[in-house]
Amino acid sequence: QVQLVESGGGLVQPGGSLRLSCVASQSIFSMGAVGWYRQAPGKERELVARITYRGSTYYADSVTGRFMISRNNANTIYLQMNSLKPEDTAVYYCNAKDSWGQGTQVTVSS
């Protein structure tokens, strides 16, 4: 089972940026793909972005053009979030091989 630790969340004003990091206990090349999910209060957890070990990416329509997922060549996956909106407020989770991190809170508010 892979361990995942997220960081980088916080409070930001609308239009601002944050970069989330997910550090895994295994190399991304052994995990196949890693996804960033988010869950807002009262809502279901949803996929935000995913990246494969080959670098292929997927984005939800709601974040396309504003968020970018990337990885280093070891075990860290990033989510660069720009032009943040209040509706992006949620706990953001990293997921790989059926394992979840503890999540990091992102709050977009003036």
Protein backbone atom coordinates (compact mmCIF):
# COMPACT_ATOMS: atom_id res chain seq x y z
CA GLN A 1 0.00 0.00 0.00
CA VAL A 2 1.33 3.42 -0.92
CA GLN A 3 1.43 6.28 1.58
CA LEU A 4 0.55 9.75 0.32
CA VAL A 5 1.09 13.09 2.07
CA GLU A 6 -0.44 16.29 0.73
CA SER A 7 0.62 19.83 1.55
CA GLY A 8 0.32 23.36 0.25
CA GLY A 9 -3.27 24.22 1.05
CA GLY A 10 -4.36 27.44 2.67
CA LEU A 11 -6.50 30.54 2.45
CA VAL A 12 -6.28 32.56 -0.74
CA GLN A 13 -8.31 35.38 -2.26
CA PRO A 14 -10.31 34.87 -5.45
CA GLY A 15 -8.02 35.10 -8.45
CA GLY A 16 -5.04 33.91 -6.43
CA SER A 17 -2.85 30.86 -6.82
CA LEU A 18 -1.71 27.90 -4.76
CA ARG A 19 0.50 24.91 -5.47
CA LEU A 20 -0.32 21.62 -3.81
CA SER A 21 2.22 18.83 -3.41
CA CYS A 22 1.69 15.12 -2.92
CA VAL A 23 4.65 13.07 -1.76
CA ALA A 24 4.30 9.33 -2.25
CA SER A 25 6.15 6.46 -0.61
CA GLN A 26 6.69 4.90 -4.03
CA SER A 27 7.93 6.17 -7.34
CA ILE A 28 5.23 7.40 -9.68
CA PHE A 29 6.59 4.94 -12.24
CA SER A 30 5.43 2.09 -10.00
CA MET A 31 2.04 3.64 -9.28
CA GLY A 32 0.85 4.02 -12.85
CA ALA A 33 -1.26 7.09 -12.32
CA VAL A 34 -1.94 9.63 -9.58
CA GLY A 35 -5.01 11.76 -9.21
CA TRP A 36 -5.99 14.87 -7.33
CA TYR A 37 -9.54 14.83 -5.98
CA ARG A 38 -11.49 17.35 -3.95
CA GLN A 39 -14.47 17.26 -1.66
CA ALA A 40 -16.47 20.32 -0.70
CA PRO A 41 -18.82 20.31 2.31
CA GLY A 42 -21.99 18.44 1.50
CA LYS A 43 -20.72 17.27 -1.87
CA GLU A 44 -19.25 14.07 -3.23
CA ARG A 45 -15.56 13.68 -3.80
CA GLU A 46 -14.70 14.50 -7.41
CA LEU A 47 -11.69 13.98 -9.66
CA VAL A 48 -9.92 17.22 -10.45
CA ALA A 49 -6.87 16.08 -12.42
CA ARG A 50 -4.86 12.93 -13.10
CA ILE A 51 -1.40 12.24 -14.45
CA THR A 52 0.07 8.95 -15.61
CA TYR A 53 3.66 7.82 -15.22
CA ARG A 54 4.10 8.67 -18.91
CA GLY A 55 2.95 12.22 -18.30
CA SER A 56 -0.51 12.01 -19.87
CA THR A 57 -2.96 14.29 -18.12
CA TYR A 58 -6.68 14.65 -17.59
CA TYR A 59 -8.59 17.62 -16.18
CA ALA A 60 -12.15 18.11 -15.07
CA ASP A 61 -14.00 20.69 -17.15
CA SER A 62 -14.34 22.97 -14.14
CA VAL A 63 -10.56 23.42 -13.80
CA THR A 64 -9.34 23.15 -17.39
CA GLY A 65 -7.18 26.13 -18.25
CA ARG A 66 -6.71 27.10 -14.60
CA PHE A 67 -5.09 24.06 -12.95
CA MET A 68 -2.04 22.11 -14.04
CA ILE A 69 -0.90 18.73 -12.74
CA SER A 70 2.73 17.75 -13.00
CA ARG A 71 5.25 15.37 -11.50
CA ASN A 72 8.93 15.14 -10.85
CA ASN A 73 10.90 12.07 -11.86
CA ALA A 74 10.68 10.59 -8.40
CA ASN A 75 7.68 10.55 -6.12
CA THR A 76 6.09 13.99 -5.99
CA ILE A 77 3.01 15.15 -7.82
CA TYR A 78 2.00 18.80 -7.96
CA LEU A 79 -1.23 20.65 -8.62
CA GLN A 80 -0.73 24.27 -9.65
CA MET A 81 -3.98 26.13 -9.15
CA ASN A 82 -4.41 29.55 -10.73
CA SER A 83 -7.34 31.95 -11.02
CA LEU A 84 -8.92 30.35 -7.99
CA LYS A 85 -12.63 30.77 -7.40
CA PRO A 86 -14.71 30.43 -4.23
CA GLU A 87 -16.20 27.25 -5.70
CA ASP A 88 -12.72 25.69 -5.63
CA THR A 89 -12.94 25.64 -1.84
CA ALA A 90 -12.60 22.03 -0.71
CA VAL A 91 -10.34 19.49 0.89
CA TYR A 92 -7.95 18.26 -1.79
CA TYR A 93 -6.80 14.65 -1.74
CA CYS A 94 -4.13 12.70 -3.56
CA ASN A 95 -4.99 9.19 -4.76
CA ALA A 96 -2.93 6.34 -6.15
CA LYS A 97 -3.39 2.56 -6.18
CA ASP A 98 -6.55 2.79 -4.06
CA SER A 99 -4.71 4.75 -1.35
CA TRP A 100 -5.62 8.23 -0.15
CA GLY A 101 -3.72 10.95 1.61
CA GLN A 102 -5.10 12.85 4.59
CA GLY A 103 -6.06 15.84 2.48
CA THR A 104 -5.18 19.53 2.52
CA GLN A 105 -7.73 22.31 2.92
CA VAL A 106 -8.03 24.97 0.23
CA THR A 107 -10.22 27.98 1.02
CA VAL A 108 -10.85 30.67 -1.55
CA SER A 109 -12.43 33.70 0.04
CA SER A 110 -12.09 37.45 0.24
